[in-house]
Each structure stands twice: as structure tokens, then as C-alpha cells.
PDB file of N, CA and C in Angstrom:
ATOM      1  N   THR A   1     115.073 124.306  86.647  1.00  0.00           N
ATOM      2  CA  THR A   1     116.525 124.322  86.568  1.00  0.00           C
ATOM      3  C   THR A   1     117.056 122.966  86.985  1.00  0.00           C
ATOM      4  N   SER A   2     117.952 122.409  86.194  1.00  0.00           N
ATOM      5  CA  SER A   2     118.544 121.138  86.575  1.00  0.00           C
ATOM      6  C   SER A   2     119.564 121.373  87.669  1.00  0.00           C
ATOM      7  N   SER A   3     119.780 120.359  88.479  1.00  0.00           N
ATOM      8  CA  SER A   3     120.735 120.495  89.572  1.00  0.00           C
ATOM      9  C   SER A   3     121.964 119.670  89.260  1.00  0.00           C
ATOM     10  N   MET A   4     123.029 120.338  88.836  1.00  0.00           N
ATOM     11  CA  MET A   4     124.250 119.639  88.478  1.00  0.00           C
ATOM     12  C   MET A   4     125.199 119.536  89.650  1.00  0.00           C
ATOM     13  N   GLY A   5     124.917 120.257  90.731  1.00  0.00           N
ATOM     14  CA  GLY A   5     125.823 120.217  91.872  1.00  0.00           C
ATOM     15  C   GLY A   5     127.178 120.766  91.506  1.00  0.00           C
ATOM     16  N   SER A   6     128.217 120.100  91.984  1.00  0.00           N
ATOM     17  CA  SER A   6     129.562 120.615  91.775  1.00  0.00           C
ATOM     18  C   SER A   6     130.023 120.470  90.338  1.00  0.00           C
ATOM     19  N   SER A   7     129.354 119.644  89.508  1.00  0.00           N
ATOM     20  CA  SER A   7     129.810 119.511  88.126  1.00  0.00           C
ATOM     21  C   SER A   7     129.587 120.798  87.337  1.00  0.00           C
ATOM     22  N   GLY A   8     128.517 121.574  87.654  1.00  0.00           N
ATOM     23  CA  GLY A   8     128.312 122.862  86.993  1.00  0.00           C
ATOM     24  C   GLY A   8     129.424 123.833  87.326  1.00  0.00           C
ATOM     25  N   SER A   9     129.831 123.856  88.585  1.00  0.00           N
ATOM     26  CA  SER A   9     130.918 124.742  88.978  1.00  0.00           C
ATOM     27  C   SER A   9     132.244 124.257  88.402  1.00  0.00           C
ATOM     28  N   SER A  10     132.428 122.943  88.323  1.00  0.00           N
ATOM     29  CA  SER A  10     133.654 122.400  87.729  1.00  0.00           C
ATOM     30  C   SER A  10     133.751 122.777  86.262  1.00  0.00           C
ATOM     31  N   LEU A  11     132.632 122.669  85.574  1.00  0.00           N
ATOM     32  CA  LEU A  11     132.597 122.994  84.158  1.00  0.00           C
ATOM     33  C   LEU A  11     132.962 124.454  83.919  1.00  0.00           C
ATOM     34  N   LEU A  12     132.354 125.353  84.699  1.00  0.00           N
ATOM     35  CA  LEU A  12     132.668 126.771  84.545  1.00  0.00           C
ATOM     36  C   LEU A  12     134.121 127.073  84.906  1.00  0.00           C
ATOM     37  N   ARG A  13     134.623 126.444  85.961  1.00  0.00           N
ATOM     38  CA  ARG A  13     136.012 126.696  86.365  1.00  0.00           C
ATOM     39  C   ARG A  13     136.985 126.221  85.289  1.00  0.00           C
ATOM     40  N   LEU A  14     136.715 125.050  84.706  1.00  0.00           N
ATOM     41  CA  LEU A  14     137.572 124.552  83.628  1.00  0.00           C
ATOM     42  C   LEU A  14     137.557 125.485  82.423  1.00  0.00           C
ATOM     43  N   LEU A  15     136.378 126.009  82.096  1.00  0.00           N
ATOM     44  CA  LEU A  15     136.302 126.975  80.996  1.00  0.00           C
ATOM     45  C   LEU A  15     137.102 128.228  81.306  1.00  0.00           C
ATOM     46  N   CYS A  16     137.045 128.684  82.555  1.00  0.00           N
ATOM     47  CA  CYS A  16     137.836 129.857  82.954  1.00  0.00           C
ATOM     48  C   CYS A  16     139.324 129.583  82.781  1.00  0.00           C
ATOM     49  N   LEU A  17     139.761 128.418  83.223  1.00  0.00           N
ATOM     50  CA  LEU A  17     141.181 128.059  83.107  1.00  0.00           C
ATOM     51  C   LEU A  17     141.617 127.917  81.652  1.00  0.00           C
ATOM     52  N   ALA A  18     140.673 127.551  80.781  1.00  0.00           N
ATOM     53  CA  ALA A  18     140.982 127.390  79.359  1.00  0.00           C
ATOM     54  C   ALA A  18     140.890 128.708  78.584  1.00  0.00           C
ATOM     55  N   GLY A  19     140.568 129.812  79.290  1.00  0.00           N
ATOM     56  CA  GLY A  19     140.518 131.120  78.638  1.00  0.00           C
ATOM     57  C   GLY A  19     139.131 131.590  78.261  1.00  0.00           C
ATOM     58  N   TYR A  20     138.092 130.893  78.687  1.00  0.00           N
ATOM     59  CA  TYR A  20     136.719 131.274  78.375  1.00  0.00           C
ATOM     60  C   TYR A  20     136.031 131.891  79.588  1.00  0.00           C
ATOM     61  N   GLU A  21     136.726 132.695  80.348  1.00  0.00           N
ATOM     62  CA  GLU A  21     136.196 133.284  81.578  1.00  0.00           C
ATOM     63  C   GLU A  21     135.132 134.326  81.258  1.00  0.00           C
ATOM     64  N   PRO A  22     133.913 134.162  81.790  1.00  0.00           N
ATOM     65  CA  PRO A  22     132.906 135.199  81.573  1.00  0.00           C
ATOM     66  C   PRO A  22     133.231 136.437  82.412  1.00  0.00           C
ATOM     67  N   LEU A  23     132.826 137.586  81.926  1.00  0.00           N
ATOM     68  CA  LEU A  23     132.998 138.829  82.677  1.00  0.00           C
ATOM     69  C   LEU A  23     131.774 138.980  83.565  1.00  0.00           C
ATOM     70  N   ALA A  24     131.968 138.802  84.877  1.00  0.00           N
ATOM     71  CA  ALA A  24     130.834 138.749  85.799  1.00  0.00           C
ATOM     72  C   ALA A  24     130.916 139.780  86.918  1.00  0.00           C
ATOM     73  N   ASP A  25     131.813 140.746  86.806  1.00  0.00           N
ATOM     74  CA  ASP A  25     131.961 141.703  87.902  1.00  0.00           C
ATOM     75  C   ASP A  25     130.922 142.815  87.849  1.00  0.00           C
ATOM     76  N   THR A  26     130.560 143.304  86.669  1.00  0.00           N
ATOM     77  CA  THR A  26     129.578 144.374  86.512  1.00  0.00           C
ATOM     78  C   THR A  26     128.769 144.118  85.240  1.00  0.00           C
ATOM     79  N   CYS A  27     127.702 144.908  85.061  1.00  0.00           N
ATOM     80  CA  CYS A  27     126.964 144.849  83.799  1.00  0.00           C
ATOM     81  C   CYS A  27     127.911 145.323  82.694  1.00  0.00           C
ATOM     82  N   ALA A  28     128.023 144.539  81.654  1.00  0.00           N
ATOM     83  CA  ALA A  28     128.941 144.872  80.564  1.00  0.00           C
ATOM     84  C   ALA A  28     128.505 146.104  79.785  1.00  0.00           C
ATOM     85  N   TYR A  29     127.256 146.530  79.944  1.00  0.00           N
ATOM     86  CA  TYR A  29     126.746 147.630  79.139  1.00  0.00           C
ATOM     87  C   TYR A  29     126.586 148.934  79.918  1.00  0.00           C
ATOM     88  N   CYS A  30     126.059 148.869  81.155  1.00  0.00           N
ATOM     89  CA  CYS A  30     125.862 150.103  81.918  1.00  0.00           C
ATOM     90  C   CYS A  30     126.847 150.237  83.080  1.00  0.00           C
ATOM     91  N   GLY A  31     127.571 149.171  83.422  1.00  0.00           N
ATOM     92  CA  GLY A  31     128.585 149.231  84.459  1.00  0.00           C
ATOM     93  C   GLY A  31     128.104 149.034  85.885  1.00  0.00           C
ATOM     94  N   ARG A  32     126.809 148.772  86.090  1.00  0.00           N
ATOM     95  CA  ARG A  32     126.294 148.551  87.449  1.00  0.00           C
ATOM     96  C   ARG A  32     126.952 147.336  88.081  1.00  0.00           C
ATOM     97  N   GLU A  33     127.416 147.496  89.326  1.00  0.00           N
ATOM     98  CA  GLU A  33     128.035 146.376  90.028  1.00  0.00           C
ATOM     99  C   GLU A  33     127.016 145.302  90.377  1.00  0.00           C
ATOM    100  N   GLU A  34     125.795 145.707  90.671  1.00  0.00           N
ATOM    101  CA  GLU A  34     124.710 144.766  90.956  1.00  0.00           C
ATOM    102  C   GLU A  34     123.635 144.973  89.892  1.00  0.00           C
ATOM    103  N   PRO A  35     123.733 144.256  88.780  1.00  0.00           N
ATOM    104  CA  PRO A  35     122.786 144.452  87.680  1.00  0.00           C
ATOM    105  C   PRO A  35     121.337 144.206  88.108  1.00  0.00           C
ATOM    106  N   GLU A  36     120.426 145.003  87.527  1.00  0.00           N
ATOM    107  CA  GLU A  36     118.995 144.805  87.761  1.00  0.00           C
ATOM    108  C   GLU A  36     118.573 143.574  86.980  1.00  0.00           C
ATOM    109  N   ASP A  37     117.936 142.619  87.654  1.00  0.00           N
ATOM    110  CA  ASP A  37     117.523 141.364  87.013  1.00  0.00           C
ATOM    111  C   ASP A  37     118.679 140.804  86.181  1.00  0.00           C
ATOM    112  N   PRO A  38     119.758 140.373  86.848  1.00  0.00           N
ATOM    113  CA  PRO A  38     120.966 139.970  86.128  1.00  0.00           C
ATOM    114  C   PRO A  38     120.753 138.808  85.170  1.00  0.00           C
ATOM    115  N   MET A  39     121.471 138.873  84.063  1.00  0.00           N
ATOM    116  CA  MET A  39     121.432 137.828  83.046  1.00  0.00           C
ATOM    117  C   MET A  39     122.855 137.568  82.573  1.00  0.00           C
ATOM    118  N   LEU A  40     123.110 136.339  82.176  1.00  0.00           N
ATOM    119  CA  LEU A  40     124.402 135.976  81.607  1.00  0.00           C
ATOM    120  C   LEU A  40     124.223 135.746  80.125  1.00  0.00           C
ATOM    121  N   ASP A  41     124.882 136.564  79.308  1.00  0.00           N
ATOM    122  CA  ASP A  41     124.891 136.364  77.855  1.00  0.00           C
ATOM    123  C   ASP A  41     125.877 135.233  77.596  1.00  0.00           C
ATOM    124  N   VAL A  42     125.358 134.042  77.274  1.00  0.00           N
ATOM    125  CA  VAL A  42     126.220 132.869  77.170  1.00  0.00           C
ATOM    126  C   VAL A  42     127.030 132.851  75.876  1.00  0.00           C
ATOM    127  N   VAL A  43     126.651 133.651  74.895  1.00  0.00           N
ATOM    128  CA  VAL A  43     127.430 133.732  73.651  1.00  0.00           C
ATOM    129  C   VAL A  43     128.593 134.700  73.824  1.00  0.00           C
ATOM    130  N   GLN A  44     128.307 135.888  74.361  1.00  0.00           N
ATOM    131  CA  GLN A  44     129.346 136.894  74.553  1.00  0.00           C
ATOM    132  C   GLN A  44     130.151 136.672  75.830  1.00  0.00           C
ATOM    133  N   GLY A  45     129.583 135.914  76.771  1.00  0.00           N
ATOM    134  CA  GLY A  45     130.280 135.650  78.032  1.00  0.00           C
ATOM    135  C   GLY A  45     130.339 136.856  78.944  1.00  0.00           C
ATOM    136  N   VAL A  46     129.224 137.606  78.992  1.00  0.00           N
ATOM    137  CA  VAL A  46     129.187 138.805  79.829  1.00  0.00           C
ATOM    138  C   VAL A  46     127.915 138.827  80.668  1.00  0.00           C
ATOM    139  N   LEU A  47     128.013 139.485  81.813  1.00  0.00           N
ATOM    140  CA  LEU A  47     126.885 139.729  82.700  1.00  0.00           C
ATOM    141  C   LEU A  47     126.235 141.034  82.281  1.00  0.00           C
ATOM    142  N   HIS A  48     124.895 141.106  82.359  1.00  0.00           N
ATOM    143  CA  HIS A  48     124.222 142.358  82.035  1.00  0.00           C
ATOM    144  C   HIS A  48     122.869 142.435  82.719  1.00  0.00           C
ATOM    145  N   CYS A  49     122.339 143.641  82.797  1.00  0.00           N
ATOM    146  CA  CYS A  49     120.990 143.870  83.308  1.00  0.00           C
ATOM    147  C   CYS A  49     119.989 143.398  82.246  1.00  0.00           C
ATOM    148  N   ARG A  50     118.830 142.957  82.689  1.00  0.00           N
ATOM    149  CA  ARG A  50     117.794 142.560  81.731  1.00  0.00           C
ATOM    150  C   ARG A  50     117.454 143.724  80.803  1.00  0.00           C
ATOM    151  N   ARG A  51     117.346 144.927  81.365  1.00  0.00           N
ATOM    152  CA  ARG A  51     117.005 146.106  80.562  1.00  0.00           C
ATOM    153  C   ARG A  51     118.089 146.393  79.520  1.00  0.00           C
ATOM    154  N   CYS A  52     119.333 146.220  79.903  1.00  0.00           N
ATOM    155  CA  CYS A  52     120.429 146.480  78.957  1.00  0.00           C
ATOM    156  C   CYS A  52     120.416 145.490  77.798  1.00  0.00           C
ATOM    157  N   SER A  53     119.857 144.317  78.014  1.00  0.00           N
ATOM    158  CA  SER A  53     119.829 143.324  76.944  1.00  0.00           C
ATOM    159  C   SER A  53     118.811 143.672  75.875  1.00  0.00           C
ATOM    160  N   GLN A  54     117.911 144.611  76.159  1.00  0.00           N
ATOM    161  CA  GLN A  54     116.884 144.984  75.197  1.00  0.00           C
ATOM    162  C   GLN A  54     117.458 145.800  74.039  1.00  0.00           C
ATOM    163  N   THR A  55     118.602 146.453  74.270  1.00  0.00           N
ATOM    164  CA  THR A  55     119.209 147.255  73.207  1.00  0.00           C
ATOM    165  C   THR A  55     120.231 146.411  72.468  1.00  0.00           C
ATOM    166  N   GLY A  56     120.070 146.302  71.177  1.00  0.00           N
ATOM    167  CA  GLY A  56     121.010 145.545  70.358  1.00  0.00           C
ATOM    168  C   GLY A  56     121.028 144.063  70.689  1.00  0.00           C
ATOM    169  N   ALA A  57     119.860 143.452  70.851  1.00  0.00           N
ATOM    170  CA  ALA A  57     119.768 142.073  71.318  1.00  0.00           C
ATOM    171  C   ALA A  57     120.027 141.020  70.237  1.00  0.00           C
ATOM    172  N   ALA A  58     120.315 141.415  69.016  1.00  0.00           N
ATOM    173  CA  ALA A  58     120.512 140.440  67.945  1.00  0.00           C
ATOM    174  C   ALA A  58     121.677 139.506  68.258  1.00  0.00           C
ATOM    175  N   GLY A  59     121.442 138.217  68.106  1.00  0.00           N
ATOM    176  CA  GLY A  59     122.499 137.232  68.293  1.00  0.00           C
ATOM    177  C   GLY A  59     122.825 136.895  69.727  1.00  0.00           C
ATOM    178  N   ARG A  60     122.033 137.384  70.672  1.00  0.00           N
ATOM    179  CA  ARG A  60     122.313 137.111  72.086  1.00  0.00           C
ATOM    180  C   ARG A  60     121.473 135.935  72.567  1.00  0.00           C
ATOM    181  N   LEU A  61     122.054 135.172  73.463  1.00  0.00           N
ATOM    182  CA  LEU A  61     121.328 134.124  74.178  1.00  0.00           C
ATOM    183  C   LEU A  61     121.654 134.321  75.639  1.00  0.00           C
ATOM    184  N   SER A  62     120.713 134.875  76.385  1.00  0.00           N
ATOM    185  CA  SER A  62     120.960 135.207  77.778  1.00  0.00           C
ATOM    186  C   SER A  62     120.118 134.355  78.704  1.00  0.00           C
ATOM    187  N   MET A  63     120.712 133.978  79.828  1.00  0.00           N
ATOM    188  CA  MET A  63     120.058 133.183  80.857  1.00  0.00           C
ATOM    189  C   MET A  63     119.885 134.056  82.092  1.00  0.00           C
ATOM    190  N   PRO A  64     118.678 134.073  82.683  1.00  0.00           N
ATOM    191  CA  PRO A  64     118.484 134.858  83.910  1.00  0.00           C
ATOM    192  C   PRO A  64     119.236 134.222  85.080  1.00  0.00           C
ATOM    193  N   LEU A  65     119.728 135.062  85.975  1.00  0.00           N
ATOM    194  CA  LEU A  65     120.440 134.612  87.167  1.00  0.00           C
ATOM    195  C   LEU A  65     119.763 135.181  88.408  1.00  0.00           C
ATOM    196  N   CYS A  66     119.418 134.321  89.353  1.00  0.00           N
ATOM    197  CA  CYS A  66     118.924 134.820  90.637  1.00  0.00           C
ATOM    198  C   CYS A  66     120.137 135.315  91.422  1.00  0.00           C
ATOM    199  N   ALA A  67     119.895 135.956  92.556  1.00  0.00           N
ATOM    200  CA  ALA A  67     120.991 136.510  93.359  1.00  0.00           C
ATOM    201  C   ALA A  67     121.986 135.428  93.777  1.00  0.00           C
ATOM    202  N   ASP A  68     121.483 134.250  94.156  1.00  0.00           N
ATOM    203  CA  ASP A  68     122.376 133.165  94.560  1.00  0.00           C
ATOM    204  C   ASP A  68     123.221 132.654  93.395  1.00  0.00           C
ATOM    205  N   SER A  69     122.613 132.555  92.212  1.00  0.00           N
ATOM    206  CA  SER A  69     123.362 132.097  91.037  1.00  0.00           C
ATOM    207  C   SER A  69     124.434 133.100  90.636  1.00  0.00           C
ATOM    208  N   LEU A  70     124.119 134.395  90.750  1.00  0.00           N
ATOM    209  CA  LEU A  70     125.110 135.428  90.455  1.00  0.00           C
ATOM    210  C   LEU A  70     126.275 135.340  91.440  1.00  0.00           C
ATOM    211  N   ALA A  71     125.956 135.175  92.721  1.00  0.00           N
ATOM    212  CA  ALA A  71     127.019 135.044  93.730  1.00  0.00           C
ATOM    213  C   ALA A  71     127.867 133.795  93.458  1.00  0.00           C
ATOM    214  N   ALA A  72     127.210 132.701  93.077  1.00  0.00           N
ATOM    215  CA  ALA A  72     127.942 131.468  92.768  1.00  0.00           C
ATOM    216  C   ALA A  72     128.829 131.659  91.541  1.00  0.00           C
ATOM    217  N   LEU A  73     128.304 132.311  90.506  1.00  0.00           N
ATOM    218  CA  LEU A  73     129.093 132.568  89.301  1.00  0.00           C
ATOM    219  C   LEU A  73     130.341 133.377  89.633  1.00  0.00           C
ATOM    220  N   ARG A  74     130.167 134.425  90.411  1.00  0.00           N
ATOM    221  CA  ARG A  74     131.312 135.253  90.799  1.00  0.00           C
ATOM    222  C   ARG A  74     132.292 134.472  91.660  1.00  0.00           C
ATOM    223  N   HIS A  75     131.788 133.614  92.514  1.00  0.00           N
ATOM    224  CA  HIS A  75     132.651 132.771  93.354  1.00  0.00           C
ATOM    225  C   HIS A  75     133.498 131.840  92.481  1.00  0.00           C
ATOM    226  N   ILE A  76     132.887 131.245  91.478  1.00  0.00           N
ATOM    227  CA  ILE A  76     133.600 130.327  90.584  1.00  0.00           C
ATOM    228  C   ILE A  76     134.662 131.066  89.781  1.00  0.00           C
ATOM    229  N   VAL A  77     134.281 132.203  89.225  1.00  0.00           N
ATOM    230  CA  VAL A  77     135.176 132.940  88.333  1.00  0.00           C
ATOM    231  C   VAL A  77     136.295 133.646  89.091  1.00  0.00           C
ATOM    232  N   TYR A  78     135.963 134.291  90.201  1.00  0.00           N
ATOM    233  CA  TYR A  78     136.934 135.146  90.879  1.00  0.00           C
ATOM    234  C   TYR A  78     137.393 134.642  92.248  1.00  0.00           C
ATOM    235  N   GLY A  79     136.767 133.585  92.759  1.00  0.00           N
ATOM    236  CA  GLY A  79     137.029 133.145  94.119  1.00  0.00           C
ATOM    237  C   GLY A  79     138.286 132.308  94.290  1.00  0.00           C
ATOM    238  N   ASP A  80     138.571 132.012  95.529  1.00  0.00           N
ATOM    239  CA  ASP A  80     139.706 131.179  95.922  1.00  0.00           C
ATOM    240  C   ASP A  80     139.475 129.750  95.430  1.00  0.00           C
ATOM    241  N   PRO A  81     140.374 129.204  94.606  1.00  0.00           N
ATOM    242  CA  PRO A  81     140.193 127.847  94.086  1.00  0.00           C
ATOM    243  C   PRO A  81     140.068 126.782  95.179  1.00  0.00           C
ATOM    244  N   LYS A  82     140.630 127.017  96.338  1.00  0.00           N
ATOM    245  CA  LYS A  82     140.553 126.035  97.419  1.00  0.00           C
ATOM    246  C   LYS A  82     139.142 125.933  97.988  1.00  0.00           C
ATOM    247  N   ARG A  83     138.324 126.951  97.771  1.00  0.00           N
ATOM    248  CA  ARG A  83     136.952 126.957  98.286  1.00  0.00           C
ATOM    249  C   ARG A  83     135.928 126.806  97.175  1.00  0.00           C
ATOM    250  N   LEU A  84     136.350 126.381  96.011  1.00  0.00           N
ATOM    251  CA  LEU A  84     135.484 126.314  94.839  1.00  0.00           C
ATOM    252  C   LEU A  84     134.242 125.460  95.067  1.00  0.00           C
ATOM    253  N   TYR A  85     134.384 124.349  95.736  1.00  0.00           N
ATOM    254  CA  TYR A  85     133.280 123.392  95.849  1.00  0.00           C
ATOM    255  C   TYR A  85     132.522 123.512  97.160  1.00  0.00           C
ATOM    256  N   SER A  86     132.407 124.701  97.707  1.00  0.00           N
ATOM    257  CA  SER A  86     131.729 124.880  98.984  1.00  0.00           C
ATOM    258  C   SER A  86     130.242 125.207  98.811  1.00  0.00           C
ATOM    259  N   PHE A  87     129.657 124.922  97.634  1.00  0.00           N
ATOM    260  CA  PHE A  87     128.242 125.177  97.383  1.00  0.00           C
ATOM    261  C   PHE A  87     127.779 124.317  96.211  1.00  0.00           C
ATOM    262  N   ARG A  88     126.467 124.360  95.915  1.00  0.00           N
ATOM    263  CA  ARG A  88     125.891 123.660  94.766  1.00  0.00           C
ATOM    264  C   ARG A  88     125.322 124.706  93.812  1.00  0.00           C
ATOM    265  N   LEU A  89     125.399 124.434  92.520  1.00  0.00           N
ATOM    266  CA  LEU A  89     124.957 125.374  91.496  1.00  0.00           C
ATOM    267  C   LEU A  89     124.049 124.662  90.513  1.00  0.00           C
ATOM    268  N   GLY A  90     122.891 125.265  90.221  1.00  0.00           N
ATOM    269  CA  GLY A  90     122.040 124.728  89.174  1.00  0.00           C
ATOM    270  C   GLY A  90     122.774 124.795  87.845  1.00  0.00           C
ATOM    271  N   GLY A  91     122.548 123.847  86.986  1.00  0.00           N
ATOM    272  CA  GLY A  91     123.375 123.700  85.802  1.00  0.00           C
ATOM    273  C   GLY A  91     122.907 124.325  84.512  1.00  0.00           C
ATOM    274  N   ALA A  92     121.707 124.893  84.432  1.00  0.00           N
ATOM    275  CA  ALA A  92     121.199 125.387  83.158  1.00  0.00           C
ATOM    276  C   ALA A  92     122.107 126.455  82.552  1.00  0.00           C
ATOM    277  N   ALA A  93     122.486 127.457  83.323  1.00  0.00           N
ATOM    278  CA  ALA A  93     123.340 128.520  82.791  1.00  0.00           C
ATOM    279  C   ALA A  93     124.737 127.992  82.485  1.00  0.00           C
ATOM    280  N   ALA A  94     125.272 127.110  83.329  1.00  0.00           N
ATOM    281  CA  ALA A  94     126.606 126.542  83.096  1.00  0.00           C
ATOM    282  C   ALA A  94     126.616 125.730  81.809  1.00  0.00           C
ATOM    283  N   GLU A  95     125.583 124.931  81.602  1.00  0.00           N
ATOM    284  CA  GLU A  95     125.511 124.121  80.392  1.00  0.00           C
ATOM    285  C   GLU A  95     125.349 124.984  79.146  1.00  0.00           C
ATOM    286  N   ALA A  96     124.493 125.998  79.213  1.00  0.00           N
ATOM    287  CA  ALA A  96     124.278 126.875  78.059  1.00  0.00           C
ATOM    288  C   ALA A  96     125.547 127.648  77.722  1.00  0.00           C
ATOM    289  N   PHE A  97     126.250 128.148  78.742  1.00  0.00           N
ATOM    290  CA  PHE A  97     127.497 128.871  78.522  1.00  0.00           C
ATOM    291  C   PHE A  97     128.538 127.959  77.871  1.00  0.00           C
ATOM    292  N   THR A  98     128.649 126.739  78.366  1.00  0.00           N
ATOM    293  CA  THR A  98     129.607 125.783  77.804  1.00  0.00           C
ATOM    294  C   THR A  98     129.289 125.479  76.348  1.00  0.00           C
ATOM    295  N   ALA A  99     128.031 125.177  76.054  1.00  0.00           N
ATOM    296  CA  ALA A  99     127.641 124.861  74.681  1.00  0.00           C
ATOM    297  C   ALA A  99     127.888 126.038  73.742  1.00  0.00           C
ATOM    298  N   ALA A 100     127.596 127.255  74.215  1.00  0.00           N
ATOM    299  CA  ALA A 100     127.796 128.439  73.371  1.00  0.00           C
ATOM    300  C   ALA A 100     129.277 128.714  73.135  1.00  0.00           C
ATOM    301  N   GLN A 101     130.098 128.590  74.178  1.00  0.00           N
ATOM    302  CA  GLN A 101     131.512 128.895  74.035  1.00  0.00           C
ATOM    303  C   GLN A 101     132.251 127.834  73.213  1.00  0.00           C
ATOM    304  N   LEU A 102     131.889 126.585  73.408  1.00  0.00           N
ATOM    305  CA  LEU A 102     132.567 125.505  72.679  1.00  0.00           C
ATOM    306  C   LEU A 102     131.882 125.178  71.355  1.00  0.00           C
ATOM    307  N   GLU A 103     130.736 125.848  71.112  1.00  0.00           N
ATOM    308  CA  GLU A 103     129.976 125.712  69.875  1.00  0.00           C
ATOM    309  C   GLU A 103     129.630 124.262  69.559  1.00  0.00           C
ATOM    310  N   ARG A 104     129.200 123.528  70.594  1.00  0.00           N
ATOM    311  CA  ARG A 104     128.777 122.145  70.390  1.00  0.00           C
ATOM    312  C   ARG A 104     128.034 121.654  71.610  1.00  0.00           C
ATOM    313  N   GLY A 105     127.284 120.594  71.431  1.00  0.00           N
ATOM    314  CA  GLY A 105     126.608 119.920  72.535  1.00  0.00           C
ATOM    315  C   GLY A 105     127.386 118.659  72.886  1.00  0.00           C
ATOM    316  N   PHE A 106     126.923 117.966  73.901  1.00  0.00           N
ATOM    317  CA  PHE A 106     127.590 116.752  74.359  1.00  0.00           C
ATOM    318  C   PHE A 106     126.556 115.650  74.522  1.00  0.00           C
ATOM    319  N   ARG A 107     126.536 114.701  73.583  1.00  0.00           N
ATOM    320  CA  ARG A 107     125.549 113.619  73.627  1.00  0.00           C
ATOM    321  C   ARG A 107     125.704 112.776  74.876  1.00  0.00           C
ATOM    322  N   THR A 108     126.946 112.548  75.314  1.00  0.00           N
ATOM    323  CA  THR A 108     127.149 111.737  76.508  1.00  0.00           C
ATOM    324  C   THR A 108     126.550 112.413  77.728  1.00  0.00           C
ATOM    325  N   LEU A 109     126.699 113.722  77.853  1.00  0.00           N
ATOM    326  CA  LEU A 109     126.098 114.461  78.959  1.00  0.00           C
ATOM    327  C   LEU A 109     124.579 114.388  78.881  1.00  0.00           C
ATOM    328  N   ASP A 110     124.027 114.536  77.685  1.00  0.00           N
ATOM    329  CA  ASP A 110     122.579 114.428  77.516  1.00  0.00           C
ATOM    330  C   ASP A 110     122.092 113.043  77.929  1.00  0.00           C
ATOM    331  N   PHE A 111     122.829 112.005  77.536  1.00  0.00           N
ATOM    332  CA  PHE A 111     122.484 110.633  77.916  1.00  0.00           C
ATOM    333  C   PHE A 111     122.540 110.483  79.433  1.00  0.00           C
ATOM    334  N   TYR A 112     123.609 110.965  80.046  1.00  0.00           N
ATOM    335  CA  TYR A 112     123.786 110.866  81.496  1.00  0.00           C
ATOM    336  C   TYR A 112     122.630 111.526  82.234  1.00  0.00           C
ATOM    337  N   LYS A 113     122.236 112.720  81.778  1.00  0.00           N
ATOM    338  CA  LYS A 113     121.149 113.441  82.440  1.00  0.00           C
ATOM    339  C   LYS A 113     119.815 112.724  82.263  1.00  0.00           C
ATOM    340  N   GLY A 114     119.688 111.920  81.206  1.00  0.00           N
ATOM    341  CA  GLY A 114     118.451 111.190  80.955  1.00  0.00           C
ATOM    342  C   GLY A 114     118.321 109.909  81.754  1.00  0.00           C
ATOM    343  N   LEU A 115     119.385 109.483  82.410  1.00  0.00           N
ATOM    344  CA  LEU A 115     119.333 108.250  83.199  1.00  0.00           C
ATOM    345  C   LEU A 115     118.477 108.447  84.438  1.00  0.00           C
ATOM    346  N   ARG A 116     117.771 107.441  84.792  1.00  0.00           N
ATOM    347  CA  ARG A 116     116.948 107.447  86.001  1.00  0.00           C
ATOM    348  C   ARG A 116     117.504 106.400  86.963  1.00  0.00           C
ATOM    349  N   PRO A 117     117.375 106.625  88.264  1.00  0.00           N
ATOM    350  CA  PRO A 117     117.823 105.597  89.227  1.00  0.00           C
ATOM    351  C   PRO A 117     117.049 104.299  89.007  1.00  0.00           C
ATOM    352  N   ALA A 118     117.748 103.194  89.165  1.00  0.00           N
ATOM    353  CA  ALA A 118     117.107 101.889  89.006  1.00  0.00           C
ATOM    354  C   ALA A 118     116.088 101.673  90.110  1.00  0.00           C
ATOM    355  N   GLN A 119     114.962 101.101  89.766  1.00  0.00           N
ATOM    356  CA  GLN A 119     113.925 100.776  90.732  1.00  0.00           C
ATOM    357  C   GLN A 119     114.173  99.381  91.270  1.00  0.00           C
ATOM    358  N   MET A 120     114.171  99.242  92.567  1.00  0.00           N
ATOM    359  CA  MET A 120     114.331  97.927  93.186  1.00  0.00           C
ATOM    360  C   MET A 120     113.011  97.180  93.062  1.00  0.00           C
ATOM    361  N   PRO A 121     113.065  95.905  92.655  1.00  0.00           N
ATOM    362  CA  PRO A 121     111.816  95.134  92.521  1.00  0.00           C
ATOM    363  C   PRO A 121     111.148  94.948  93.882  1.00  0.00           C
ATOM    364  N   SER A 122     109.837  94.952  93.869  1.00  0.00           N
ATOM    365  CA  SER A 122     109.069  94.738  95.096  1.00  0.00           C
ATOM    366  C   SER A 122     109.112  93.281  95.494  1.00  0.00           C
ATOM    367  N   LYS A 123     109.152  93.013  96.779  1.00  0.00           N
ATOM    368  CA  LYS A 123     109.168  91.617  97.252  1.00  0.00           C
ATOM    369  C   LYS A 123     107.803  91.151  97.599  1.00  0.00           C
TER     370      LYS A 123
END
């Protein structure tokens, strides 16, 4: 998992403000508040149990979420905006959700992620 830090949370928050808020309170299919092996369907923008994704899976692209990632997702979507940046979030699910919702990739972001820190010459 890539580590985007606060930029992953910023990206998700901006999408929420623009009307692309994922439904992350319960499993969208069975209604469980704490989904078993939670996953985020980045195309539909819904949270679901891994088992629930097995039924009618055509056209879905789901990313697994650990307990911390699920808590972070809920914090971003439903939490107090003043406390938005009080944690770090891995960026794989945030990036996949953004690409799926906006139906495009970002070459500049790909370039940025490919940059490596400059090596200082040895003396």
C-alpha cells in the first residue's frame, strides 16, 4: 500500500464535498454496521462485506479495507472537518476511488509518485 499521508484524506474529502461521498456507514448489501472483511466498491462508492461482493460481482472493483482504513474512511466522510488531518491514510483505496469516480487517471500524480529523493554525492 502506498502511503499518501494527508493527501489521501484530502482527496477523499474533496470528492465528498463535490458530491461523490461513498456510503461507508454499513454494508450496502446486508446492512451490517461492521462488515465482515470490509471492502470499498470504488465504482459504486459503497462499503460491503467480502462475502456480499460475491453475489452479482459484475462490473465491481473493490478494495479491501483493514479496520484502521475503515475507521479512517468513516472519519473522513462523516467526521468533524476540523479534525480531518489527525491521522495518516494509505492511498491505494483513495486513489482507486478517485480514478473510478472521475473516470480518469492523473499523469502528474503518477509522475510525482515515481520521483525518488535525490541522493547526495559522497565526499
